[in-house]
Amino acid sequence: MEWPHDDLAARGVDLKDMGVLFPFHKVDIYFEEALLSLEKSIDVDINLILINDSQNKNNIGIAKNIFPDLTHVFTGGKRGYGYSLSEGTKYLKSDFIALMNSDDLISPKRLALQVQSLKNSELSISKVKR
């Protein structure tokens, strides 16, 4: 998918780290593909916070192969989406936060476009349109 935007970093857009909250319960067929699409993000450094709401700690290996420096939060299992997000926010170190689910695929420029949108406005939330 081509995005009709030029290189944001080359235009002098000051991009900071982006914290990505990624809660999951089960590792399904889309989990690895979602992480790989996140890894392809450009013009932004990702601080991935993976929130495991299952009782299985073994399924984290897929993510660690892609993001060796991820922060892994283990909730103890079946606490729910809201609880998972709340726990994940405790580990954020970034001014900007994105949410991603285990079945999401993102454009390589999604996070950078969201940062740019937030920096150029007084918004506290943004959405990227295709």
Protein backbone atom coordinates (compact mmCIF):
# COMPACT_ATOMS: atom_id res chain seq x y z
CA MET A 1 0.00 0.00 0.00
CA GLU A 2 1.42 3.37 -1.01
CA TRP A 3 0.79 6.40 1.17
CA PRO A 4 0.70 9.83 -0.51
CA HIS A 5 3.06 11.45 1.97
CA ASP A 6 6.70 12.39 1.60
CA ASP A 7 9.37 11.43 4.11
CA LEU A 8 8.36 13.10 7.39
CA ALA A 9 11.83 13.04 8.94
CA ALA A 10 13.33 14.68 5.83
CA ARG A 11 10.82 17.51 6.25
CA GLY A 12 12.16 18.16 9.73
CA VAL A 13 9.26 16.69 11.69
CA ASP A 14 10.67 16.05 15.16
CA LEU A 15 9.51 12.54 15.96
CA LYS A 16 9.88 11.06 19.41
CA ASP A 17 9.52 7.56 20.66
CA MET A 18 6.07 6.10 20.29
CA GLY A 19 4.75 3.86 23.03
CA VAL A 20 2.63 1.07 21.59
CA LEU A 21 0.26 -0.77 23.91
CA PHE A 22 -0.39 -4.21 22.46
CA PRO A 23 -2.74 -6.27 24.63
CA PHE A 24 -3.52 -9.85 23.67
CA HIS A 25 -5.21 -12.88 25.12
CA LYS A 26 -4.61 -15.64 22.59
CA VAL A 27 -1.89 -15.86 20.01
CA ASP A 28 -3.81 -16.44 16.82
CA ILE A 29 -2.81 -16.66 13.19
CA TYR A 30 -2.54 -12.87 12.88
CA PHE A 31 -0.32 -12.20 15.90
CA GLU A 32 3.06 -12.55 14.17
CA GLU A 33 1.83 -10.71 11.07
CA ALA A 34 0.61 -7.82 13.25
CA LEU A 35 3.98 -7.57 14.98
CA LEU A 36 5.82 -7.68 11.65
CA SER A 37 3.70 -4.82 10.31
CA LEU A 38 4.55 -2.83 13.44
CA GLU A 39 8.25 -3.59 12.99
CA LYS A 40 8.12 -2.00 9.52
CA SER A 41 7.11 1.36 10.98
CA ILE A 42 9.33 4.15 9.72
CA ASP A 43 10.30 7.58 11.05
CA VAL A 44 9.53 6.60 14.65
CA ASP A 45 11.19 4.57 17.42
CA ILE A 46 8.83 2.05 18.96
CA ASN A 47 8.62 1.29 22.66
CA LEU A 48 6.48 -1.85 22.53
CA ILE A 49 4.56 -2.83 25.64
CA LEU A 50 3.08 -6.27 25.13
CA ILE A 51 0.33 -7.05 27.63
CA ASN A 52 -0.29 -10.77 27.96
CA ASP A 53 -3.76 -11.45 29.35
CA SER A 54 -3.56 -15.20 28.91
CA GLN A 55 -2.28 -17.72 31.38
CA ASN A 56 0.37 -18.90 28.94
CA LYS A 57 3.78 -17.23 29.28
CA ASN A 58 5.34 -19.34 26.53
CA ASN A 59 3.65 -17.48 23.67
CA ILE A 60 5.87 -14.42 24.13
CA GLY A 61 8.71 -15.98 22.11
CA ILE A 62 7.28 -14.87 18.75
CA ALA A 63 7.27 -11.25 19.86
CA LYS A 64 10.75 -11.40 21.42
CA ASN A 65 12.16 -12.64 18.10
CA ILE A 66 10.84 -9.49 16.40
CA PHE A 67 11.23 -6.97 19.25
CA PRO A 68 14.02 -8.19 21.58
CA ASP A 69 13.71 -5.09 23.80
CA LEU A 70 9.96 -5.19 24.31
CA THR A 71 8.41 -4.70 27.72
CA HIS A 72 6.31 -7.73 28.61
CA VAL A 73 3.52 -7.28 31.12
CA PHE A 74 1.86 -10.44 32.41
CA THR A 75 -1.58 -9.82 33.96
CA GLY A 76 -2.07 -13.30 35.32
CA GLY A 77 -4.76 -14.15 32.82
CA LYS A 78 -8.30 -13.27 31.84
CA ARG A 79 -8.47 -9.82 33.46
CA GLY A 80 -9.92 -8.18 30.33
CA TYR A 81 -9.01 -5.54 27.76
CA GLY A 82 -9.50 -2.50 30.00
CA TYR A 83 -7.40 -3.94 32.80
CA SER A 84 -4.68 -4.90 30.31
CA LEU A 85 -4.48 -1.35 28.94
CA SER A 86 -4.42 0.10 32.43
CA GLU A 87 -1.55 -2.18 33.43
CA GLY A 88 0.35 -1.41 30.23
CA THR A 89 0.22 2.35 30.78
CA LYS A 90 2.31 1.91 33.92
CA TYR A 91 5.30 1.05 31.71
CA LEU A 92 4.99 3.88 29.18
CA LYS A 93 8.03 6.11 28.71
CA SER A 94 6.77 8.01 25.67
CA ASP A 95 4.83 11.19 25.09
CA PHE A 96 2.86 9.50 22.33
CA ILE A 97 0.83 6.32 22.71
CA ALA A 98 -0.73 4.07 20.10
CA LEU A 99 -2.99 1.08 20.62
CA MET A 100 -2.63 -2.03 18.56
CA ASN A 101 -4.46 -5.33 18.72
CA SER A 102 -3.16 -8.77 17.80
CA ASP A 103 -5.15 -8.83 14.55
CA ASP A 104 -4.20 -5.31 13.35
CA LEU A 105 -2.01 -4.62 10.35
CA ILE A 106 -0.64 -1.10 9.99
CA SER A 107 0.93 1.04 7.32
CA PRO A 108 4.64 1.73 7.83
CA LYS A 109 3.84 5.45 8.23
CA ARG A 110 0.81 5.13 10.52
CA LEU A 111 2.62 5.98 13.76
CA ALA A 112 4.66 8.81 12.24
CA LEU A 113 1.52 10.34 10.72
CA GLN A 114 -0.24 10.16 14.07
CA VAL A 115 2.69 11.85 15.83
CA GLN A 116 2.72 14.56 13.17
CA SER A 117 -1.03 15.05 13.51
CA LEU A 118 -0.76 15.41 17.28
CA LYS A 119 2.25 17.74 17.16
CA ASN A 120 0.53 20.06 14.67
CA SER A 121 -2.67 20.48 16.66
CA GLU A 122 -4.11 20.70 20.12
CA LEU A 123 -5.65 17.26 19.75
CA SER A 124 -5.02 14.57 22.27
CA ILE A 125 -6.14 11.77 19.97
CA SER A 126 -5.65 11.17 16.25
CA LYS A 127 -6.78 8.88 13.50
CA VAL A 128 -5.03 8.22 10.21
CA LYS A 129 -7.23 8.12 7.13
CA ARG A 130 -6.34 6.12 4.03
